[in-house]
Amino acid sequence: MFLTHRLHYRLWDKQLLSAFRRIKKVDQPLIDLISADLWSTCCSIANGEEEMLSILNCYYDELKKE
């Protein structure tokens, strides 16, 4: 089975980090849908105070069913 995420995650991580750096400069009309803790983490990543986790951490492996 070909796993696309393993091939492209570095590019996706780079694109996400670029977006995080601008997250506080752009209106966030859906901010009320996330917790204050999550927004704080986003701001810490934007400020370079915290490292962003890789998109690989969001991957759901349907073959690994518990």
PDB file of N, CA and C in Angstrom:
ATOM      1  N   MET A   1       0.829  -1.182   0.000  1.00  0.00           N
ATOM      2  CA  MET A   1       0.000   0.000   0.000  1.00  0.00           C
ATOM      3  C   MET A   1       0.879   1.253   0.000  1.00  0.00           C
ATOM      4  N   PHE A   2       0.605   2.163  -0.906  1.00  0.00           N
ATOM      5  CA  PHE A   2       1.377   3.394  -1.028  1.00  0.00           C
ATOM      6  C   PHE A   2       0.869   4.414  -0.021  1.00  0.00           C
ATOM      7  N   LEU A   3       1.743   4.922   0.791  1.00  0.00           N
ATOM      8  CA  LEU A   3       1.348   5.855   1.846  1.00  0.00           C
ATOM      9  C   LEU A   3       1.772   7.275   1.475  1.00  0.00           C
ATOM     10  N   THR A   4       0.854   8.031   0.904  1.00  0.00           N
ATOM     11  CA  THR A   4       1.125   9.380   0.426  1.00  0.00           C
ATOM     12  C   THR A   4       1.618  10.293   1.536  1.00  0.00           C
ATOM     13  N   HIS A   5       1.036  10.179   2.725  1.00  0.00           N
ATOM     14  CA  HIS A   5       1.419  11.077   3.818  1.00  0.00           C
ATOM     15  C   HIS A   5       2.894  10.948   4.160  1.00  0.00           C
ATOM     16  N   ARG A   6       3.453   9.773   4.026  1.00  0.00           N
ATOM     17  CA  ARG A   6       4.874   9.567   4.325  1.00  0.00           C
ATOM     18  C   ARG A   6       5.761  10.225   3.274  1.00  0.00           C
ATOM     19  N   LEU A   7       5.221  10.427   2.102  1.00  0.00           N
ATOM     20  CA  LEU A   7       5.967  11.026   1.015  1.00  0.00           C
ATOM     21  C   LEU A   7       5.939  12.558   1.091  1.00  0.00           C
ATOM     22  N   HIS A   8       4.853  13.131   1.568  1.00  0.00           N
ATOM     23  CA  HIS A   8       4.644  14.578   1.483  1.00  0.00           C
ATOM     24  C   HIS A   8       4.645  15.323   2.809  1.00  0.00           C
ATOM     25  N   TYR A   9       4.795  14.652   3.927  1.00  0.00           N
ATOM     26  CA  TYR A   9       4.608  15.323   5.215  1.00  0.00           C
ATOM     27  C   TYR A   9       5.582  16.473   5.444  1.00  0.00           C
ATOM     28  N   ARG A  10       6.807  16.375   4.950  1.00  0.00           N
ATOM     29  CA  ARG A  10       7.769  17.466   5.166  1.00  0.00           C
ATOM     30  C   ARG A  10       7.300  18.753   4.484  1.00  0.00           C
ATOM     31  N   LEU A  11       6.790  18.636   3.267  1.00  0.00           N
ATOM     32  CA  LEU A  11       6.253  19.793   2.552  1.00  0.00           C
ATOM     33  C   LEU A  11       5.032  20.346   3.284  1.00  0.00           C
ATOM     34  N   TRP A  12       4.125  19.469   3.700  1.00  0.00           N
ATOM     35  CA  TRP A  12       2.924  19.901   4.405  1.00  0.00           C
ATOM     36  C   TRP A  12       3.279  20.586   5.718  1.00  0.00           C
ATOM     37  N   ASP A  13       4.246  20.029   6.455  1.00  0.00           N
ATOM     38  CA  ASP A  13       4.679  20.651   7.710  1.00  0.00           C
ATOM     39  C   ASP A  13       5.223  22.059   7.457  1.00  0.00           C
ATOM     40  N   LYS A  14       6.010  22.203   6.402  1.00  0.00           N
ATOM     41  CA  LYS A  14       6.579  23.508   6.055  1.00  0.00           C
ATOM     42  C   LYS A  14       5.469  24.505   5.726  1.00  0.00           C
ATOM     43  N   GLN A  15       4.462  24.068   4.985  1.00  0.00           N
ATOM     44  CA  GLN A  15       3.345  24.942   4.634  1.00  0.00           C
ATOM     45  C   GLN A  15       2.525  25.317   5.873  1.00  0.00           C
ATOM     46  N   LEU A  16       2.308  24.357   6.753  1.00  0.00           N
ATOM     47  CA  LEU A  16       1.564  24.642   7.985  1.00  0.00           C
ATOM     48  C   LEU A  16       2.310  25.624   8.878  1.00  0.00           C
ATOM     49  N   LEU A  17       3.615  25.442   9.002  1.00  0.00           N
ATOM     50  CA  LEU A  17       4.398  26.342   9.842  1.00  0.00           C
ATOM     51  C   LEU A  17       4.343  27.766   9.294  1.00  0.00           C
ATOM     52  N   SER A  18       4.360  27.901   7.990  1.00  0.00           N
ATOM     53  CA  SER A  18       4.229  29.209   7.362  1.00  0.00           C
ATOM     54  C   SER A  18       2.891  29.849   7.734  1.00  0.00           C
ATOM     55  N   ALA A  19       1.834  29.068   7.725  1.00  0.00           N
ATOM     56  CA  ALA A  19       0.507  29.579   8.099  1.00  0.00           C
ATOM     57  C   ALA A  19       0.465  29.954   9.581  1.00  0.00           C
ATOM     58  N   PHE A  20       1.086  29.145  10.436  1.00  0.00           N
ATOM     59  CA  PHE A  20       1.099  29.444  11.872  1.00  0.00           C
ATOM     60  C   PHE A  20       1.773  30.778  12.141  1.00  0.00           C
ATOM     61  N   ARG A  21       2.793  31.106  11.374  1.00  0.00           N
ATOM     62  CA  ARG A  21       3.511  32.365  11.596  1.00  0.00           C
ATOM     63  C   ARG A  21       2.636  33.582  11.324  1.00  0.00           C
ATOM     64  N   ARG A  22       1.565  33.401  10.554  1.00  0.00           N
ATOM     65  CA  ARG A  22       0.664  34.508  10.221  1.00  0.00           C
ATOM     66  C   ARG A  22      -0.677  34.430  10.951  1.00  0.00           C
ATOM     67  N   ILE A  23      -0.863  33.432  11.780  1.00  0.00           N
ATOM     68  CA  ILE A  23      -2.188  33.151  12.348  1.00  0.00           C
ATOM     69  C   ILE A  23      -2.739  34.293  13.195  1.00  0.00           C
ATOM     70  N   LYS A  24      -1.874  35.014  13.892  1.00  0.00           N
ATOM     71  CA  LYS A  24      -2.358  36.111  14.743  1.00  0.00           C
ATOM     72  C   LYS A  24      -2.590  37.395  13.961  1.00  0.00           C
ATOM     73  N   LYS A  25      -2.103  37.445  12.726  1.00  0.00           N
ATOM     74  CA  LYS A  25      -2.231  38.649  11.906  1.00  0.00           C
ATOM     75  C   LYS A  25      -3.489  38.640  11.048  1.00  0.00           C
ATOM     76  N   VAL A  26      -4.178  37.524  11.033  1.00  0.00           N
ATOM     77  CA  VAL A  26      -5.362  37.348  10.186  1.00  0.00           C
ATOM     78  C   VAL A  26      -6.580  37.121  11.079  1.00  0.00           C
ATOM     79  N   ASP A  27      -7.691  37.731  10.710  1.00  0.00           N
ATOM     80  CA  ASP A  27      -8.929  37.549  11.460  1.00  0.00           C
ATOM     81  C   ASP A  27      -9.265  36.060  11.553  1.00  0.00           C
ATOM     82  N   GLN A  28      -9.658  35.613  12.737  1.00  0.00           N
ATOM     83  CA  GLN A  28      -9.987  34.214  12.983  1.00  0.00           C
ATOM     84  C   GLN A  28     -11.452  34.118  13.423  1.00  0.00           C
ATOM     85  N   PRO A  29     -12.383  34.145  12.472  1.00  0.00           N
ATOM     86  CA  PRO A  29     -13.811  34.163  12.830  1.00  0.00           C
ATOM     87  C   PRO A  29     -14.299  32.868  13.497  1.00  0.00           C
ATOM     88  N   LEU A  30     -13.554  31.797  13.382  1.00  0.00           N
ATOM     89  CA  LEU A  30     -13.968  30.522  13.985  1.00  0.00           C
ATOM     90  C   LEU A  30     -13.219  30.212  15.281  1.00  0.00           C
ATOM     91  N   ILE A  31     -12.536  31.208  15.817  1.00  0.00           N
ATOM     92  CA  ILE A  31     -11.726  30.997  17.016  1.00  0.00           C
ATOM     93  C   ILE A  31     -12.536  30.459  18.191  1.00  0.00           C
ATOM     94  N   ASP A  32     -13.817  30.784  18.251  1.00  0.00           N
ATOM     95  CA  ASP A  32     -14.662  30.312  19.350  1.00  0.00           C
ATOM     96  C   ASP A  32     -14.887  28.799  19.316  1.00  0.00           C
ATOM     97  N   LEU A  33     -14.496  28.165  18.231  1.00  0.00           N
ATOM     98  CA  LEU A  33     -14.687  26.714  18.095  1.00  0.00           C
ATOM     99  C   LEU A  33     -13.532  25.904  18.676  1.00  0.00           C
ATOM    100  N   ILE A  34     -12.465  26.585  19.104  1.00  0.00           N
ATOM    101  CA  ILE A  34     -11.347  25.867  19.715  1.00  0.00           C
ATOM    102  C   ILE A  34     -11.170  26.349  21.152  1.00  0.00           C
ATOM    103  N   SER A  35     -10.521  25.542  21.943  1.00  0.00           N
ATOM    104  CA  SER A  35     -10.311  25.886  23.350  1.00  0.00           C
ATOM    105  C   SER A  35      -9.263  26.990  23.487  1.00  0.00           C
ATOM    106  N   ALA A  36      -9.307  27.667  24.615  1.00  0.00           N
ATOM    107  CA  ALA A  36      -8.314  28.704  24.914  1.00  0.00           C
ATOM    108  C   ALA A  36      -6.912  28.109  24.964  1.00  0.00           C
ATOM    109  N   ASP A  37      -6.802  26.883  25.472  1.00  0.00           N
ATOM    110  CA  ASP A  37      -5.496  26.214  25.535  1.00  0.00           C
ATOM    111  C   ASP A  37      -4.931  25.957  24.139  1.00  0.00           C
ATOM    112  N   LEU A  38      -5.795  25.523  23.223  1.00  0.00           N
ATOM    113  CA  LEU A  38      -5.345  25.263  21.859  1.00  0.00           C
ATOM    114  C   LEU A  38      -4.927  26.566  21.176  1.00  0.00           C
ATOM    115  N   TRP A  39      -5.681  27.646  21.373  1.00  0.00           N
ATOM    116  CA  TRP A  39      -5.310  28.939  20.804  1.00  0.00           C
ATOM    117  C   TRP A  39      -3.982  29.416  21.381  1.00  0.00           C
ATOM    118  N   SER A  40      -3.780  29.201  22.659  1.00  0.00           N
ATOM    119  CA  SER A  40      -2.516  29.569  23.298  1.00  0.00           C
ATOM    120  C   SER A  40      -1.353  28.799  22.666  1.00  0.00           C
ATOM    121  N   THR A  41      -1.568  27.515  22.394  1.00  0.00           N
ATOM    122  CA  THR A  41      -0.540  26.708  21.742  1.00  0.00           C
ATOM    123  C   THR A  41      -0.250  27.252  20.338  1.00  0.00           C
ATOM    124  N   CYS A  42      -1.298  27.598  19.607  1.00  0.00           N
ATOM    125  CA  CYS A  42      -1.131  28.173  18.265  1.00  0.00           C
ATOM    126  C   CYS A  42      -0.301  29.449  18.327  1.00  0.00           C
ATOM    127  N   CYS A  43      -0.582  30.304  19.300  1.00  0.00           N
ATOM    128  CA  CYS A  43       0.160  31.547  19.453  1.00  0.00           C
ATOM    129  C   CYS A  43       1.615  31.287  19.841  1.00  0.00           C
ATOM    130  N   SER A  44       1.843  30.303  20.681  1.00  0.00           N
ATOM    131  CA  SER A  44       3.212  29.949  21.070  1.00  0.00           C
ATOM    132  C   SER A  44       4.009  29.446  19.866  1.00  0.00           C
ATOM    133  N   ILE A  45       3.370  28.673  19.012  1.00  0.00           N
ATOM    134  CA  ILE A  45       4.023  28.211  17.787  1.00  0.00           C
ATOM    135  C   ILE A  45       4.315  29.404  16.886  1.00  0.00           C
ATOM    136  N   ALA A  46       3.341  30.301  16.743  1.00  0.00           N
ATOM    137  CA  ALA A  46       3.508  31.495  15.909  1.00  0.00           C
ATOM    138  C   ALA A  46       4.663  32.361  16.395  1.00  0.00           C
ATOM    139  N   ASN A  47       4.843  32.435  17.707  1.00  0.00           N
ATOM    140  CA  ASN A  47       5.915  33.245  18.302  1.00  0.00           C
ATOM    141  C   ASN A  47       7.251  32.527  18.341  1.00  0.00           C
ATOM    142  N   GLY A  48       7.280  31.273  17.915  1.00  0.00           N
ATOM    143  CA  GLY A  48       8.523  30.509  17.948  1.00  0.00           C
ATOM    144  C   GLY A  48       8.886  30.003  19.328  1.00  0.00           C
ATOM    145  N   GLU A  49       7.934  30.035  20.250  1.00  0.00           N
ATOM    146  CA  GLU A  49       8.173  29.601  21.627  1.00  0.00           C
ATOM    147  C   GLU A  49       7.937  28.107  21.808  1.00  0.00           C
ATOM    148  N   GLU A  50       7.209  27.519  20.879  1.00  0.00           N
ATOM    149  CA  GLU A  50       6.868  26.105  20.961  1.00  0.00           C
ATOM    150  C   GLU A  50       7.004  25.497  19.561  1.00  0.00           C
ATOM    151  N   GLU A  51       7.457  24.265  19.508  1.00  0.00           N
ATOM    152  CA  GLU A  51       7.614  23.596  18.226  1.00  0.00           C
ATOM    153  C   GLU A  51       6.286  23.000  17.765  1.00  0.00           C
ATOM    154  N   MET A  52       5.977  23.189  16.501  1.00  0.00           N
ATOM    155  CA  MET A  52       4.766  22.620  15.928  1.00  0.00           C
ATOM    156  C   MET A  52       4.959  21.111  15.742  1.00  0.00           C
ATOM    157  N   LEU A  53       3.958  20.345  16.121  1.00  0.00           N
ATOM    158  CA  LEU A  53       4.004  18.912  15.865  1.00  0.00           C
ATOM    159  C   LEU A  53       3.804  18.665  14.378  1.00  0.00           C
ATOM    160  N   SER A  54       4.382  17.598  13.887  1.00  0.00           N
ATOM    161  CA  SER A  54       4.243  17.242  12.480  1.00  0.00           C
ATOM    162  C   SER A  54       2.808  16.825  12.159  1.00  0.00           C
ATOM    163  N   ILE A  55       2.416  17.036  10.927  1.00  0.00           N
ATOM    164  CA  ILE A  55       1.108  16.589  10.443  1.00  0.00           C
ATOM    165  C   ILE A  55       0.974  15.070  10.615  1.00  0.00           C
ATOM    166  N   LEU A  56       2.084  14.379  10.712  1.00  0.00           N
ATOM    167  CA  LEU A  56       2.037  12.930  10.921  1.00  0.00           C
ATOM    168  C   LEU A  56       1.311  12.567  12.214  1.00  0.00           C
ATOM    169  N   ASN A  57       1.287  13.489  13.173  1.00  0.00           N
ATOM    170  CA  ASN A  57       0.580  13.238  14.429  1.00  0.00           C
ATOM    171  C   ASN A  57      -0.934  13.240  14.260  1.00  0.00           C
ATOM    172  N   CYS A  58      -1.410  13.723  13.123  1.00  0.00           N
ATOM    173  CA  CYS A  58      -2.845  13.789  12.846  1.00  0.00           C
ATOM    174  C   CYS A  58      -3.315  12.630  11.974  1.00  0.00           C
ATOM    175  N   TYR A  59      -2.427  11.746  11.646  1.00  0.00           N
ATOM    176  CA  TYR A  59      -2.749  10.663  10.726  1.00  0.00           C
ATOM    177  C   TYR A  59      -3.544   9.563  11.423  1.00  0.00           C
ATOM    178  N   TYR A  60      -4.646   9.190  10.829  1.00  0.00           N
ATOM    179  CA  TYR A  60      -5.447   8.089  11.324  1.00  0.00           C
ATOM    180  C   TYR A  60      -5.124   6.834  10.530  1.00  0.00           C
ATOM    181  N   ASP A  61      -4.639   5.825  11.184  1.00  0.00           N
ATOM    182  CA  ASP A  61      -4.284   4.576  10.522  1.00  0.00           C
ATOM    183  C   ASP A  61      -5.451   3.617  10.639  1.00  0.00           C
ATOM    184  N   GLU A  62      -6.240   3.512   9.591  1.00  0.00           N
ATOM    185  CA  GLU A  62      -7.415   2.655   9.636  1.00  0.00           C
ATOM    186  C   GLU A  62      -7.045   1.182   9.729  1.00  0.00           C
ATOM    187  N   LEU A  63      -5.806   0.830   9.385  1.00  0.00           N
ATOM    188  CA  LEU A  63      -5.384  -0.559   9.506  1.00  0.00           C
ATOM    189  C   LEU A  63      -5.050  -0.923  10.953  1.00  0.00           C
ATOM    190  N   LYS A  64      -4.794   0.089  11.757  1.00  0.00           N
ATOM    191  CA  LYS A  64      -4.450  -0.121  13.163  1.00  0.00           C
ATOM    192  C   LYS A  64      -5.695   0.108  14.019  1.00  0.00           C
ATOM    193  N   LYS A  65      -6.562  -0.838  14.007  1.00  0.00           N
ATOM    194  CA  LYS A  65      -7.813  -0.728  14.778  1.00  0.00           C
ATOM    195  C   LYS A  65      -7.628  -1.375  16.141  1.00  0.00           C
ATOM    196  N   GLU A  66      -8.088  -0.681  17.129  1.00  0.00           N
ATOM    197  CA  GLU A  66      -7.936  -1.207  18.501  1.00  0.00           C
ATOM    198  C   GLU A  66      -9.243  -1.771  18.988  1.00  0.00           C
TER     199      GLU A  66
END
